[in-house]
Amino acid sequence: MNDKLMRRFSARKNEDGTDYWTVYDVSTGLPAVVNGTTLDALGMEEADDLADLLNAQYTRRGGTAQ
């Protein structure tokens, strides 16, 4: 399966002038929420790692949201 199609989550730098990053759902453009926690105000590496983990879970589930 095309890896690009399975990439549902990504990280982007916040536009508020800080060095914080947010993990967001590519399909909705909204911040990702895990167990009630919004994945924002993160360091760049942390956001990138979390996006990778979420994408791995998404891929293992066959591309379906939980």
C-alpha atoms as a PDB file:
ATOM      1  CA  MET A   1       0.000   0.000   0.000  1.00  0.00           C
ATOM      2  CA  ASN A   2       1.233   3.509  -0.761  1.00  0.00           C
ATOM      3  CA  ASP A   3       2.917   4.951   2.368  1.00  0.00           C
ATOM      4  CA  LYS A   4       1.625   8.424   1.521  1.00  0.00           C
ATOM      5  CA  LEU A   5      -1.953   7.189   1.699  1.00  0.00           C
ATOM      6  CA  MET A   6      -1.355   5.736   5.161  1.00  0.00           C
ATOM      7  CA  ARG A   7       0.126   8.963   6.546  1.00  0.00           C
ATOM      8  CA  ARG A   8      -2.885  10.328   8.392  1.00  0.00           C
ATOM      9  CA  PHE A   9      -0.958  12.313  11.021  1.00  0.00           C
ATOM     10  CA  SER A  10       1.754  14.913  10.653  1.00  0.00           C
ATOM     11  CA  ALA A  11       3.516  17.529  12.764  1.00  0.00           C
ATOM     12  CA  ARG A  12       3.582  21.244  12.100  1.00  0.00           C
ATOM     13  CA  LYS A  13       5.122  24.228  13.819  1.00  0.00           C
ATOM     14  CA  ASN A  14       2.657  26.409  15.670  1.00  0.00           C
ATOM     15  CA  GLU A  15       2.052  29.779  14.041  1.00  0.00           C
ATOM     16  CA  ASP A  16       2.036  31.696  17.338  1.00  0.00           C
ATOM     17  CA  GLY A  17       5.732  32.605  17.200  1.00  0.00           C
ATOM     18  CA  THR A  18       6.797  29.935  19.710  1.00  0.00           C
ATOM     19  CA  ASP A  19       9.010  26.936  19.053  1.00  0.00           C
ATOM     20  CA  TYR A  20       6.147  24.547  19.823  1.00  0.00           C
ATOM     21  CA  TRP A  21       4.710  21.968  17.449  1.00  0.00           C
ATOM     22  CA  THR A  22       1.324  20.236  17.097  1.00  0.00           C
ATOM     23  CA  VAL A  23       0.466  16.776  15.789  1.00  0.00           C
ATOM     24  CA  TYR A  24      -2.553  17.077  13.534  1.00  0.00           C
ATOM     25  CA  ASP A  25      -4.883  14.839  11.572  1.00  0.00           C
ATOM     26  CA  VAL A  26      -4.133  15.424   7.896  1.00  0.00           C
ATOM     27  CA  SER A  27      -7.664  14.422   6.878  1.00  0.00           C
ATOM     28  CA  THR A  28      -9.362  17.036   9.093  1.00  0.00           C
ATOM     29  CA  GLY A  29      -6.633  19.605   9.726  1.00  0.00           C
ATOM     30  CA  LEU A  30      -7.441  19.430  13.454  1.00  0.00           C
ATOM     31  CA  PRO A  31      -4.989  18.695  16.267  1.00  0.00           C
ATOM     32  CA  ALA A  32      -4.741  15.018  17.165  1.00  0.00           C
ATOM     33  CA  VAL A  33      -6.256  14.007  20.504  1.00  0.00           C
ATOM     34  CA  VAL A  34      -5.160  10.850  22.337  1.00  0.00           C
ATOM     35  CA  ASN A  35      -6.969   9.737  25.499  1.00  0.00           C
ATOM     36  CA  GLY A  36      -8.419  13.237  25.866  1.00  0.00           C
ATOM     37  CA  THR A  37      -5.052  14.981  25.487  1.00  0.00           C
ATOM     38  CA  THR A  38      -4.468  17.337  22.571  1.00  0.00           C
ATOM     39  CA  LEU A  39      -1.024  16.763  21.098  1.00  0.00           C
ATOM     40  CA  ASP A  40       0.186  20.354  21.038  1.00  0.00           C
ATOM     41  CA  ALA A  41       2.846  22.506  22.726  1.00  0.00           C
ATOM     42  CA  LEU A  42       5.416  19.816  21.875  1.00  0.00           C
ATOM     43  CA  GLY A  43       9.048  19.952  20.865  1.00  0.00           C
ATOM     44  CA  MET A  44       9.783  19.249  17.199  1.00  0.00           C
ATOM     45  CA  GLU A  45      11.265  15.771  17.752  1.00  0.00           C
ATOM     46  CA  GLU A  46       8.519  14.765  20.171  1.00  0.00           C
ATOM     47  CA  ALA A  47       5.796  15.850  17.736  1.00  0.00           C
ATOM     48  CA  ASP A  48       7.488  14.027  14.866  1.00  0.00           C
ATOM     49  CA  ASP A  49       7.877  10.848  16.937  1.00  0.00           C
ATOM     50  CA  LEU A  50       4.243  10.945  18.074  1.00  0.00           C
ATOM     51  CA  ALA A  51       3.033  11.467  14.500  1.00  0.00           C
ATOM     52  CA  ASP A  52       5.106   8.442  13.439  1.00  0.00           C
ATOM     53  CA  LEU A  53       3.617   6.331  16.249  1.00  0.00           C
ATOM     54  CA  LEU A  54       0.065   7.353  15.389  1.00  0.00           C
ATOM     55  CA  ASN A  55       0.675   6.607  11.712  1.00  0.00           C
ATOM     56  CA  ALA A  56       2.078   3.170  12.588  1.00  0.00           C
ATOM     57  CA  GLN A  57      -1.042   2.402  14.630  1.00  0.00           C
ATOM     58  CA  TYR A  58      -3.260   3.700  11.824  1.00  0.00           C
ATOM     59  CA  THR A  59      -1.457   1.475   9.312  1.00  0.00           C
ATOM     60  CA  ARG A  60      -1.689  -1.608  11.559  1.00  0.00           C
ATOM     61  CA  ARG A  61      -5.454  -1.096  11.812  1.00  0.00           C
ATOM     62  CA  GLY A  62      -5.684  -1.105   8.037  1.00  0.00           C
ATOM     63  CA  GLY A  63      -6.148   2.627   7.642  1.00  0.00           C
ATOM     64  CA  THR A  64      -9.180   2.968   9.874  1.00  0.00           C
ATOM     65  CA  ALA A  65      -9.653   5.411  12.700  1.00  0.00           C
ATOM     66  CA  GLN A  66     -10.284   3.974  16.117  1.00  0.00           C
END
